C-alpha cells in the first residue's frame, strides 16, 4: 500500500546516447543521456550545469527540445522537458 499523496513517476528507460545541451547564451555542451521518461531525463556532462537553467537538448540530427535542469550533482544532472520530446 502506498502512502497518502504518493504520486507514481513515469517509467524510465535506460539508454546511453550522445547529445548536445545548448545553453541560453548559445554555448554547446556535449552530454550523454543515460535515462529518459515521458517528463524528463538524466544526463552526464563534462561541465557542471546550473540548477534552474532553461536549455535545449538535441540528440543526433533531431529537433532540439526545450528543458529545465532540475537538479545537479557534480557532472550529473536531471532535467524536465518543457515541451513534448522525440526522446520520451
N, C-alpha and C. Protein backbone atom coordinates (compact mmCIF):
# COMPACT_ATOMS: atom_id res chain seq x y z
N UNK A 1 0.84 -1.18 0.00
CA UNK A 1 0.00 0.00 0.00
C UNK A 1 0.88 1.24 0.00
N UNK A 2 0.52 2.20 -0.81
CA UNK A 2 1.32 3.43 -0.91
C UNK A 2 0.83 4.49 0.06
N UNK A 3 1.75 5.34 0.47
CA UNK A 3 1.41 6.41 1.40
C UNK A 3 0.46 7.41 0.76
N UNK A 4 -0.40 8.05 1.56
CA UNK A 4 -1.29 9.07 1.02
C UNK A 4 -0.47 10.17 0.32
N UNK A 5 -0.95 10.64 -0.80
CA UNK A 5 -0.24 11.68 -1.53
C UNK A 5 0.85 11.16 -2.45
N UNK A 6 1.08 9.84 -2.43
CA UNK A 6 2.11 9.25 -3.30
C UNK A 6 1.74 9.48 -4.76
N UNK A 7 2.70 9.92 -5.53
CA UNK A 7 2.49 10.14 -6.96
C UNK A 7 3.52 9.30 -7.72
N UNK A 8 3.04 8.35 -8.48
CA UNK A 8 3.95 7.49 -9.25
C UNK A 8 4.67 8.31 -10.31
N UNK A 9 5.95 8.04 -10.48
CA UNK A 9 6.73 8.71 -11.51
C UNK A 9 6.62 7.90 -12.79
N UNK A 10 6.68 8.60 -13.94
CA UNK A 10 6.66 7.86 -15.21
C UNK A 10 7.84 6.90 -15.30
N UNK A 11 7.62 5.80 -16.00
CA UNK A 11 8.68 4.81 -16.18
C UNK A 11 9.90 5.44 -16.86
N UNK A 12 11.07 5.00 -16.42
CA UNK A 12 12.31 5.47 -17.01
C UNK A 12 12.87 4.39 -17.92
N UNK A 13 13.47 4.83 -19.00
CA UNK A 13 14.09 3.90 -19.94
C UNK A 13 15.59 4.15 -19.93
N UNK A 14 16.34 3.12 -19.57
CA UNK A 14 17.80 3.25 -19.57
C UNK A 14 18.28 3.36 -21.01
N UNK A 15 19.21 4.25 -21.22
CA UNK A 15 19.78 4.45 -22.55
C UNK A 15 21.20 4.97 -22.39
N UNK A 16 21.86 5.15 -23.45
CA UNK A 16 23.17 5.79 -23.44
C UNK A 16 23.35 6.40 -24.82
N UNK A 17 22.94 7.67 -24.94
CA UNK A 17 23.06 8.31 -26.25
C UNK A 17 23.73 9.67 -26.12
N UNK A 18 24.61 9.92 -27.07
CA UNK A 18 25.29 11.21 -27.12
C UNK A 18 24.29 12.29 -27.52
N UNK A 19 24.42 13.45 -26.88
CA UNK A 19 23.53 14.57 -27.16
C UNK A 19 24.30 15.87 -26.96
N UNK A 20 23.66 16.97 -27.31
CA UNK A 20 24.23 18.30 -27.10
C UNK A 20 23.23 19.11 -26.29
N UNK A 21 23.71 19.76 -25.24
CA UNK A 21 22.91 20.66 -24.44
C UNK A 21 23.28 22.07 -24.88
N UNK A 22 22.30 22.86 -25.25
CA UNK A 22 22.55 24.22 -25.72
C UNK A 22 22.02 25.18 -24.66
N UNK A 23 22.93 25.96 -24.08
CA UNK A 23 22.56 26.90 -23.03
C UNK A 23 21.97 28.18 -23.65
N UNK A 24 21.37 29.02 -22.79
CA UNK A 24 20.70 30.24 -23.25
C UNK A 24 21.65 31.16 -24.03
N UNK A 25 22.94 31.15 -23.68
CA UNK A 25 23.91 32.02 -24.37
C UNK A 25 24.45 31.39 -25.65
N UNK A 26 23.92 30.20 -26.02
CA UNK A 26 24.36 29.53 -27.24
C UNK A 26 25.50 28.54 -27.04
N UNK A 27 26.06 28.51 -25.83
CA UNK A 27 27.15 27.57 -25.54
C UNK A 27 26.64 26.14 -25.71
N UNK A 28 27.40 25.31 -26.41
CA UNK A 28 27.02 23.91 -26.68
C UNK A 28 27.90 23.00 -25.83
N UNK A 29 27.27 22.08 -25.11
CA UNK A 29 27.97 21.17 -24.22
C UNK A 29 27.64 19.74 -24.62
N UNK A 30 28.66 18.94 -24.89
CA UNK A 30 28.43 17.52 -25.18
C UNK A 30 28.03 16.81 -23.90
N UNK A 31 26.95 16.02 -23.98
CA UNK A 31 26.46 15.27 -22.83
C UNK A 31 26.12 13.85 -23.27
N UNK A 32 25.88 12.99 -22.28
CA UNK A 32 25.40 11.64 -22.53
C UNK A 32 24.11 11.47 -21.75
N UNK A 33 23.00 11.21 -22.44
CA UNK A 33 21.72 10.96 -21.78
C UNK A 33 21.73 9.50 -21.34
N UNK A 34 21.50 9.26 -20.04
CA UNK A 34 21.59 7.90 -19.50
C UNK A 34 20.23 7.29 -19.17
N UNK A 35 19.20 8.11 -19.02
CA UNK A 35 17.84 7.58 -18.95
C UNK A 35 16.86 8.67 -19.32
N UNK A 36 15.69 8.24 -19.74
CA UNK A 36 14.67 9.18 -20.21
C UNK A 36 13.29 8.67 -19.81
N UNK A 37 12.39 9.58 -19.53
CA UNK A 37 10.99 9.25 -19.25
C UNK A 37 10.11 10.20 -20.05
N UNK A 38 8.82 10.07 -19.88
CA UNK A 38 7.91 10.96 -20.59
C UNK A 38 8.16 12.41 -20.22
N UNK A 39 8.52 12.66 -18.96
CA UNK A 39 8.65 14.02 -18.46
C UNK A 39 10.07 14.57 -18.38
N UNK A 40 11.09 13.69 -18.44
CA UNK A 40 12.43 14.21 -18.23
C UNK A 40 13.54 13.24 -18.55
N UNK A 41 14.73 13.55 -18.02
CA UNK A 41 15.93 12.81 -18.40
C UNK A 41 16.99 12.94 -17.32
N UNK A 42 17.97 12.06 -17.39
CA UNK A 42 19.18 12.10 -16.56
C UNK A 42 20.33 12.14 -17.54
N UNK A 43 21.34 12.95 -17.24
CA UNK A 43 22.49 13.02 -18.15
C UNK A 43 23.79 13.17 -17.38
N UNK A 44 24.86 12.90 -18.10
CA UNK A 44 26.22 13.12 -17.59
C UNK A 44 26.88 14.14 -18.51
N UNK A 45 27.67 15.02 -17.91
CA UNK A 45 28.29 16.12 -18.65
C UNK A 45 29.70 16.35 -18.14
N UNK A 46 30.56 16.83 -19.00
CA UNK A 46 31.91 17.21 -18.55
C UNK A 46 31.89 18.55 -17.82
N UNK A 47 30.85 19.34 -18.10
CA UNK A 47 30.70 20.66 -17.45
C UNK A 47 29.70 20.54 -16.31
N UNK A 48 29.85 21.37 -15.31
CA UNK A 48 28.87 21.42 -14.24
C UNK A 48 27.74 22.34 -14.68
N UNK A 49 26.52 21.84 -14.64
CA UNK A 49 25.36 22.60 -15.08
C UNK A 49 24.76 23.35 -13.90
N UNK A 50 23.84 24.28 -14.20
CA UNK A 50 23.24 25.11 -13.16
C UNK A 50 21.77 24.76 -13.00
N UNK A 51 21.40 24.41 -11.79
CA UNK A 51 20.01 24.09 -11.47
C UNK A 51 19.11 25.27 -11.81
N UNK A 52 18.00 25.00 -12.50
CA UNK A 52 17.05 26.04 -12.86
C UNK A 52 17.24 26.61 -14.25
N UNK A 53 18.39 26.36 -14.87
CA UNK A 53 18.63 26.88 -16.22
C UNK A 53 17.70 26.24 -17.24
N UNK A 54 17.19 27.06 -18.16
CA UNK A 54 16.45 26.53 -19.30
C UNK A 54 17.46 26.29 -20.42
N UNK A 55 17.34 25.14 -21.06
CA UNK A 55 18.29 24.70 -22.08
C UNK A 55 17.54 24.07 -23.25
N UNK A 56 18.28 23.76 -24.30
CA UNK A 56 17.78 22.93 -25.38
C UNK A 56 18.58 21.64 -25.36
N UNK A 57 17.92 20.51 -25.52
CA UNK A 57 18.58 19.22 -25.57
C UNK A 57 18.38 18.65 -26.97
N UNK A 58 19.49 18.37 -27.64
CA UNK A 58 19.42 17.85 -29.01
C UNK A 58 20.16 16.53 -29.09
N UNK A 59 19.46 15.52 -29.60
CA UNK A 59 20.05 14.19 -29.81
C UNK A 59 20.16 13.98 -31.31
N UNK A 60 21.39 13.72 -31.77
CA UNK A 60 21.62 13.49 -33.20
C UNK A 60 21.16 14.67 -34.02
N UNK A 61 20.48 14.37 -35.14
CA UNK A 61 20.00 15.45 -36.01
C UNK A 61 18.55 15.81 -35.70
N UNK A 62 18.05 15.32 -34.55
CA UNK A 62 16.67 15.61 -34.15
C UNK A 62 16.47 17.06 -33.77
N UNK A 63 15.20 17.43 -33.65
CA UNK A 63 14.83 18.79 -33.26
C UNK A 63 15.21 19.02 -31.80
N UNK A 64 15.85 20.13 -31.48
CA UNK A 64 16.16 20.44 -30.07
C UNK A 64 14.87 20.58 -29.27
N UNK A 65 14.90 20.10 -28.03
CA UNK A 65 13.73 20.14 -27.14
C UNK A 65 14.03 21.06 -25.96
N UNK A 66 13.09 21.96 -25.67
CA UNK A 66 13.23 22.85 -24.51
C UNK A 66 13.13 22.04 -23.22
N UNK A 67 14.02 22.35 -22.27
CA UNK A 67 14.04 21.63 -21.00
C UNK A 67 14.57 22.55 -19.90
N UNK A 68 14.38 22.12 -18.66
CA UNK A 68 14.90 22.85 -17.50
C UNK A 68 15.70 21.87 -16.65
N UNK A 69 16.87 22.31 -16.21
CA UNK A 69 17.70 21.50 -15.31
C UNK A 69 17.09 21.60 -13.91
N UNK A 70 16.66 20.46 -13.37
CA UNK A 70 16.01 20.45 -12.06
C UNK A 70 16.97 20.22 -10.91
N UNK A 71 18.01 19.44 -11.15
CA UNK A 71 18.98 19.16 -10.09
C UNK A 71 20.33 18.85 -10.71
N UNK A 72 21.37 19.04 -9.94
CA UNK A 72 22.72 18.70 -10.37
C UNK A 72 23.46 18.04 -9.21
N UNK A 73 24.41 17.19 -9.57
CA UNK A 73 25.31 16.57 -8.59
C UNK A 73 26.62 16.34 -9.31
N UNK A 74 27.54 17.28 -9.14
CA UNK A 74 28.81 17.19 -9.87
C UNK A 74 28.56 17.28 -11.37
N UNK A 75 28.94 16.22 -12.07
CA UNK A 75 28.80 16.20 -13.52
C UNK A 75 27.56 15.41 -13.97
N UNK A 76 26.62 15.23 -13.07
CA UNK A 76 25.34 14.59 -13.40
C UNK A 76 24.24 15.62 -13.21
N UNK A 77 23.16 15.45 -13.98
CA UNK A 77 22.02 16.37 -13.84
C UNK A 77 20.74 15.66 -14.26
N UNK A 78 19.65 16.17 -13.73
CA UNK A 78 18.32 15.70 -14.12
C UNK A 78 17.54 16.87 -14.66
N UNK A 79 16.77 16.63 -15.69
CA UNK A 79 16.01 17.72 -16.30
C UNK A 79 14.58 17.34 -16.60
N UNK A 80 13.76 18.35 -16.82
CA UNK A 80 12.36 18.20 -17.15
C UNK A 80 12.11 18.78 -18.54
N UNK A 81 11.44 18.02 -19.38
CA UNK A 81 11.07 18.53 -20.69
C UNK A 81 10.00 19.61 -20.51
N UNK A 82 10.13 20.70 -21.24
CA UNK A 82 9.15 21.78 -21.20
C UNK A 82 8.19 21.73 -22.37
N UNK A 83 8.41 20.77 -23.26
CA UNK A 83 7.55 20.54 -24.41
C UNK A 83 7.68 19.07 -24.78
N UNK A 84 6.76 18.55 -25.56
CA UNK A 84 6.89 17.14 -25.97
C UNK A 84 8.24 16.89 -26.65
N UNK A 85 8.83 15.74 -26.36
CA UNK A 85 10.15 15.42 -26.88
C UNK A 85 10.12 14.17 -27.74
N UNK A 86 10.97 14.13 -28.74
CA UNK A 86 11.14 12.93 -29.56
C UNK A 86 11.76 11.80 -28.72
N UNK A 87 12.42 12.15 -27.62
CA UNK A 87 13.07 11.17 -26.76
C UNK A 87 12.09 10.41 -25.88
N UNK A 88 11.02 11.07 -25.47
CA UNK A 88 10.12 10.46 -24.48
C UNK A 88 9.12 9.52 -25.09
